[in-house]
Amino acid sequence: MLLKLIRNKEIKETSVTVEYRERDKQVNSLVDYISHLNDMGENVFANADDSLYQINIHDILYMESVDRRTFGYTADKTYELSCKLYEIEELYRSLGFIRISKSCIVNLHKIHALKPDYGGKILVTMENREKLYISRQYAPVIKEKLGIGGKKNERISKKST
């Protein structure tokens, strides 16, 4: 597959054109993905304090499932979401949300630091200083996604802004 990106400052709205010889599984997947991105809003509705809030998905640091309920955590508030964790993972994977354990998904853009821990786990410190663990099962996927190696005692920290 050939990917061609063209910057055009004259256009008002981004457009995507897919040229194909034959509409096969790969083309259908691409069309489905692009349609999904177009339909997917960046705001989610969530409950907190007996009220319904509209929050930007980028403000969420991580989400977890507890007692069959899904919670989203921002820097200063906890919200209950109506979606299941696997639905969130599918919907927002392209925005940097990735599973770190059976019951938790993090926003990769909100990670402050990573530190290797015993048993192949990784200790994650989020921007709000909340600490979470990446389970051994998900550690290789996270390392690959972040482009980090498996060196012993390796630490990754974002610079403070």
C-alpha atoms as a PDB file:
ATOM      1  CA  MET A   1       0.000   0.000   0.000  1.00  0.00           C
ATOM      2  CA  LEU A   2       1.235   3.444  -0.921  1.00  0.00           C
ATOM      3  CA  LEU A   3       0.526   6.340   1.458  1.00  0.00           C
ATOM      4  CA  LYS A   4       0.619   9.845   0.064  1.00  0.00           C
ATOM      5  CA  LEU A   5       0.104  12.911   2.289  1.00  0.00           C
ATOM      6  CA  ILE A   6      -0.347  16.320   0.684  1.00  0.00           C
ATOM      7  CA  ARG A   7      -0.373  19.542   2.676  1.00  0.00           C
ATOM      8  CA  ASN A   8      -2.709  22.142   1.211  1.00  0.00           C
ATOM      9  CA  LYS A   9      -3.179  25.379   3.147  1.00  0.00           C
ATOM     10  CA  GLU A  10      -5.985  26.426   0.795  1.00  0.00           C
ATOM     11  CA  ILE A  11      -8.504  23.762   1.831  1.00  0.00           C
ATOM     12  CA  LYS A  12     -10.962  24.260   4.683  1.00  0.00           C
ATOM     13  CA  GLU A  13     -11.533  20.627   5.600  1.00  0.00           C
ATOM     14  CA  THR A  14      -9.317  17.547   5.488  1.00  0.00           C
ATOM     15  CA  SER A  15     -10.383  14.962   2.921  1.00  0.00           C
ATOM     16  CA  VAL A  16      -9.301  11.377   2.407  1.00  0.00           C
ATOM     17  CA  THR A  17      -9.321   9.635  -0.964  1.00  0.00           C
ATOM     18  CA  VAL A  18      -8.715   5.918  -1.260  1.00  0.00           C
ATOM     19  CA  GLU A  19      -7.709   4.637  -4.702  1.00  0.00           C
ATOM     20  CA  TYR A  20      -7.848   0.912  -5.199  1.00  0.00           C
ATOM     21  CA  ARG A  21      -7.792  -1.645  -7.961  1.00  0.00           C
ATOM     22  CA  GLU A  22     -10.103  -4.017  -6.149  1.00  0.00           C
ATOM     23  CA  ARG A  23     -12.178  -3.493  -3.006  1.00  0.00           C
ATOM     24  CA  ASP A  24     -10.653  -6.166  -0.796  1.00  0.00           C
ATOM     25  CA  LYS A  25     -10.466  -6.808   2.940  1.00  0.00           C
ATOM     26  CA  GLN A  26      -7.630  -4.302   3.410  1.00  0.00           C
ATOM     27  CA  VAL A  27      -9.549  -1.524   1.649  1.00  0.00           C
ATOM     28  CA  ASN A  28     -12.699  -2.298   3.639  1.00  0.00           C
ATOM     29  CA  SER A  29     -10.725  -2.183   6.894  1.00  0.00           C
ATOM     30  CA  LEU A  30      -9.224   1.154   5.920  1.00  0.00           C
ATOM     31  CA  VAL A  31     -12.627   2.605   5.039  1.00  0.00           C
ATOM     32  CA  ASP A  32     -14.105   1.302   8.300  1.00  0.00           C
ATOM     33  CA  TYR A  33     -11.239   2.817  10.292  1.00  0.00           C
ATOM     34  CA  ILE A  34     -11.510   6.226   8.633  1.00  0.00           C
ATOM     35  CA  SER A  35     -15.299   6.204   9.045  1.00  0.00           C
ATOM     36  CA  HIS A  36     -14.847   5.296  12.686  1.00  0.00           C
ATOM     37  CA  LEU A  37     -12.462   8.223  13.217  1.00  0.00           C
ATOM     38  CA  ASN A  38     -14.908  10.559  11.544  1.00  0.00           C
ATOM     39  CA  ASP A  39     -17.818   9.374  13.705  1.00  0.00           C
ATOM     40  CA  MET A  40     -15.832   9.303  16.919  1.00  0.00           C
ATOM     41  CA  GLY A  41     -16.092  12.480  18.891  1.00  0.00           C
ATOM     42  CA  GLU A  42     -13.411  13.595  21.277  1.00  0.00           C
ATOM     43  CA  ASN A  43     -15.919  14.200  24.062  1.00  0.00           C
ATOM     44  CA  VAL A  44     -17.489  11.567  26.277  1.00  0.00           C
ATOM     45  CA  PHE A  45     -20.413  11.800  28.638  1.00  0.00           C
ATOM     46  CA  ALA A  46     -19.741  10.735  32.197  1.00  0.00           C
ATOM     47  CA  ASN A  47     -21.442  10.853  35.579  1.00  0.00           C
ATOM     48  CA  ALA A  48     -20.110  12.457  38.748  1.00  0.00           C
ATOM     49  CA  ASP A  49     -21.807  14.096  41.723  1.00  0.00           C
ATOM     50  CA  ASP A  50     -25.282  13.106  40.445  1.00  0.00           C
ATOM     51  CA  SER A  51     -24.680  15.130  37.270  1.00  0.00           C
ATOM     52  CA  LEU A  52     -23.867  14.288  33.664  1.00  0.00           C
ATOM     53  CA  TYR A  53     -20.699  15.926  32.331  1.00  0.00           C
ATOM     54  CA  GLN A  54     -19.232  16.202  28.873  1.00  0.00           C
ATOM     55  CA  ILE A  55     -15.461  15.785  29.126  1.00  0.00           C
ATOM     56  CA  ASN A  56     -12.753  15.817  26.507  1.00  0.00           C
ATOM     57  CA  ILE A  57     -11.231  12.358  26.087  1.00  0.00           C
ATOM     58  CA  HIS A  58      -7.737  13.917  26.094  1.00  0.00           C
ATOM     59  CA  ASP A  59      -8.290  15.104  29.683  1.00  0.00           C
ATOM     60  CA  ILE A  60      -8.638  11.536  30.929  1.00  0.00           C
ATOM     61  CA  LEU A  61      -5.454  10.142  32.460  1.00  0.00           C
ATOM     62  CA  TYR A  62      -6.631   6.565  32.792  1.00  0.00           C
ATOM     63  CA  MET A  63      -9.719   4.398  33.027  1.00  0.00           C
ATOM     64  CA  GLU A  64     -10.361   1.320  35.107  1.00  0.00           C
ATOM     65  CA  SER A  65     -13.041  -1.246  35.681  1.00  0.00           C
ATOM     66  CA  VAL A  66     -14.109  -1.902  39.284  1.00  0.00           C
ATOM     67  CA  ASP A  67     -17.035  -4.162  40.203  1.00  0.00           C
ATOM     68  CA  ARG A  68     -18.325  -4.121  36.604  1.00  0.00           C
ATOM     69  CA  ARG A  69     -18.344  -0.323  36.542  1.00  0.00           C
ATOM     70  CA  THR A  70     -15.972   1.807  34.455  1.00  0.00           C
ATOM     71  CA  PHE A  71     -14.341   4.911  35.885  1.00  0.00           C
ATOM     72  CA  GLY A  72     -12.361   7.644  34.142  1.00  0.00           C
ATOM     73  CA  TYR A  73      -9.850   9.755  36.047  1.00  0.00           C
ATOM     74  CA  THR A  74      -8.846  13.285  35.138  1.00  0.00           C
ATOM     75  CA  ALA A  75      -6.262  15.332  37.029  1.00  0.00           C
ATOM     76  CA  ASP A  76      -8.822  16.396  39.618  1.00  0.00           C
ATOM     77  CA  LYS A  77     -12.009  14.324  39.332  1.00  0.00           C
ATOM     78  CA  THR A  78     -13.352  10.781  38.995  1.00  0.00           C
ATOM     79  CA  TYR A  79     -16.183  10.053  36.566  1.00  0.00           C
ATOM     80  CA  GLU A  80     -18.278   6.977  35.933  1.00  0.00           C
ATOM     81  CA  LEU A  81     -18.468   6.078  32.254  1.00  0.00           C
ATOM     82  CA  SER A  82     -21.250   4.119  30.585  1.00  0.00           C
ATOM     83  CA  CYS A  83     -18.916   2.195  28.257  1.00  0.00           C
ATOM     84  CA  LYS A  84     -17.170  -1.077  28.962  1.00  0.00           C
ATOM     85  CA  LEU A  85     -13.376  -1.055  29.098  1.00  0.00           C
ATOM     86  CA  TYR A  86     -13.000  -3.095  25.907  1.00  0.00           C
ATOM     87  CA  GLU A  87     -15.242  -0.612  24.046  1.00  0.00           C
ATOM     88  CA  ILE A  88     -13.098   2.299  25.195  1.00  0.00           C
ATOM     89  CA  GLU A  89      -9.957   0.435  24.182  1.00  0.00           C
ATOM     90  CA  GLU A  90     -11.318  -0.100  20.653  1.00  0.00           C
ATOM     91  CA  LEU A  91     -12.717   3.422  20.273  1.00  0.00           C
ATOM     92  CA  TYR A  92      -9.745   5.399  21.541  1.00  0.00           C
ATOM     93  CA  ARG A  93      -6.708   3.247  20.698  1.00  0.00           C
ATOM     94  CA  SER A  94      -5.775   5.659  17.901  1.00  0.00           C
ATOM     95  CA  LEU A  95      -5.730   8.537  20.421  1.00  0.00           C
ATOM     96  CA  GLY A  96      -3.110   6.880  22.634  1.00  0.00           C
ATOM     97  CA  PHE A  97      -5.220   4.834  25.032  1.00  0.00           C
ATOM     98  CA  ILE A  98      -3.757   1.415  25.711  1.00  0.00           C
ATOM     99  CA  ARG A  99      -4.468  -1.413  28.119  1.00  0.00           C
ATOM    100  CA  ILE A 100      -1.900  -1.924  30.888  1.00  0.00           C
ATOM    101  CA  SER A 101      -3.721  -4.609  32.856  1.00  0.00           C
ATOM    102  CA  LYS A 102      -6.905  -6.629  32.757  1.00  0.00           C
ATOM    103  CA  SER A 103      -8.789  -3.793  34.445  1.00  0.00           C
ATOM    104  CA  CYS A 104      -6.964  -0.598  33.377  1.00  0.00           C
ATOM    105  CA  ILE A 105      -6.326   1.519  30.275  1.00  0.00           C
ATOM    106  CA  VAL A 106      -4.002   4.553  30.313  1.00  0.00           C
ATOM    107  CA  ASN A 107      -3.607   7.608  28.134  1.00  0.00           C
ATOM    108  CA  LEU A 108      -0.011   7.296  26.894  1.00  0.00           C
ATOM    109  CA  HIS A 109       0.167  11.078  26.521  1.00  0.00           C
ATOM    110  CA  LYS A 110      -0.443  11.532  30.270  1.00  0.00           C
ATOM    111  CA  ILE A 111       2.372   9.288  31.530  1.00  0.00           C
ATOM    112  CA  HIS A 112       4.925  11.194  33.581  1.00  0.00           C
ATOM    113  CA  ALA A 113       7.418   8.404  34.342  1.00  0.00           C
ATOM    114  CA  LEU A 114       8.031   4.661  34.016  1.00  0.00           C
ATOM    115  CA  LYS A 115      10.116   2.523  36.336  1.00  0.00           C
ATOM    116  CA  PRO A 116      10.885  -1.204  36.081  1.00  0.00           C
ATOM    117  CA  ASP A 117       9.487  -3.208  38.983  1.00  0.00           C
ATOM    118  CA  TYR A 118       9.821  -6.762  40.238  1.00  0.00           C
ATOM    119  CA  GLY A 119       8.440  -9.689  38.258  1.00  0.00           C
ATOM    120  CA  GLY A 120       8.557  -7.899  34.906  1.00  0.00           C
ATOM    121  CA  LYS A 121       6.005  -5.278  35.924  1.00  0.00           C
ATOM    122  CA  ILE A 122       6.463  -1.569  35.261  1.00  0.00           C
ATOM    123  CA  LEU A 123       5.460   1.153  37.703  1.00  0.00           C
ATOM    124  CA  VAL A 124       3.753   4.043  35.893  1.00  0.00           C
ATOM    125  CA  THR A 125       3.465   7.505  37.388  1.00  0.00           C
ATOM    126  CA  MET A 126       0.770   9.569  35.720  1.00  0.00           C
ATOM    127  CA  GLU A 127       0.832  13.376  35.400  1.00  0.00           C
ATOM    128  CA  ASN A 128      -1.217  13.719  38.590  1.00  0.00           C
ATOM    129  CA  ARG A 129       1.377  11.550  40.427  1.00  0.00           C
ATOM    130  CA  GLU A 130      -1.027   8.593  40.628  1.00  0.00           C
ATOM    131  CA  LYS A 131       0.897   5.308  40.479  1.00  0.00           C
ATOM    132  CA  LEU A 132      -0.307   2.326  38.435  1.00  0.00           C
ATOM    133  CA  TYR A 133       1.264  -0.968  37.422  1.00  0.00           C
ATOM    134  CA  ILE A 134       1.680  -2.302  33.923  1.00  0.00           C
ATOM    135  CA  SER A 135       1.291  -6.050  34.266  1.00  0.00           C
ATOM    136  CA  ARG A 136       3.970  -8.362  32.930  1.00  0.00           C
ATOM    137  CA  GLN A 137       1.593  -9.500  30.178  1.00  0.00           C
ATOM    138  CA  TYR A 138       1.134  -5.979  28.770  1.00  0.00           C
ATOM    139  CA  ALA A 139       4.666  -4.624  29.393  1.00  0.00           C
ATOM    140  CA  PRO A 140       6.149  -5.687  26.013  1.00  0.00           C
ATOM    141  CA  VAL A 141       3.300  -4.002  24.109  1.00  0.00           C
ATOM    142  CA  ILE A 142       3.749  -0.767  26.056  1.00  0.00           C
ATOM    143  CA  LYS A 143       7.526  -0.814  25.547  1.00  0.00           C
ATOM    144  CA  GLU A 144       7.055  -1.312  21.822  1.00  0.00           C
ATOM    145  CA  LYS A 145       4.419   1.417  21.599  1.00  0.00           C
ATOM    146  CA  LEU A 146       6.667   3.885  23.458  1.00  0.00           C
ATOM    147  CA  GLY A 147       9.793   2.774  21.594  1.00  0.00           C
ATOM    148  CA  ILE A 148      11.769   1.857  24.693  1.00  0.00           C
ATOM    149  CA  GLY A 149      14.094  -1.086  25.229  1.00  0.00           C
ATOM    150  CA  GLY A 150      14.282  -3.592  28.006  1.00  0.00           C
ATOM    151  CA  LYS A 151      17.487  -2.413  29.685  1.00  0.00           C
ATOM    152  CA  LYS A 152      17.694  -3.044  33.405  1.00  0.00           C
ATOM    153  CA  ASN A 153      17.051   0.050  35.538  1.00  0.00           C
ATOM    154  CA  GLU A 154      15.977   2.066  32.522  1.00  0.00           C
ATOM    155  CA  ARG A 155      13.895   5.117  33.439  1.00  0.00           C
ATOM    156  CA  ILE A 156      11.879   7.330  31.167  1.00  0.00           C
ATOM    157  CA  SER A 157      10.682  10.726  32.384  1.00  0.00           C
ATOM    158  CA  LYS A 158       8.937  13.553  30.613  1.00  0.00           C
ATOM    159  CA  LYS A 159      10.459  16.958  31.112  1.00  0.00           C
ATOM    160  CA  SER A 160       8.381  19.246  33.286  1.00  0.00           C
ATOM    161  CA  THR A 161       6.713  22.005  31.381  1.00  0.00           C
END
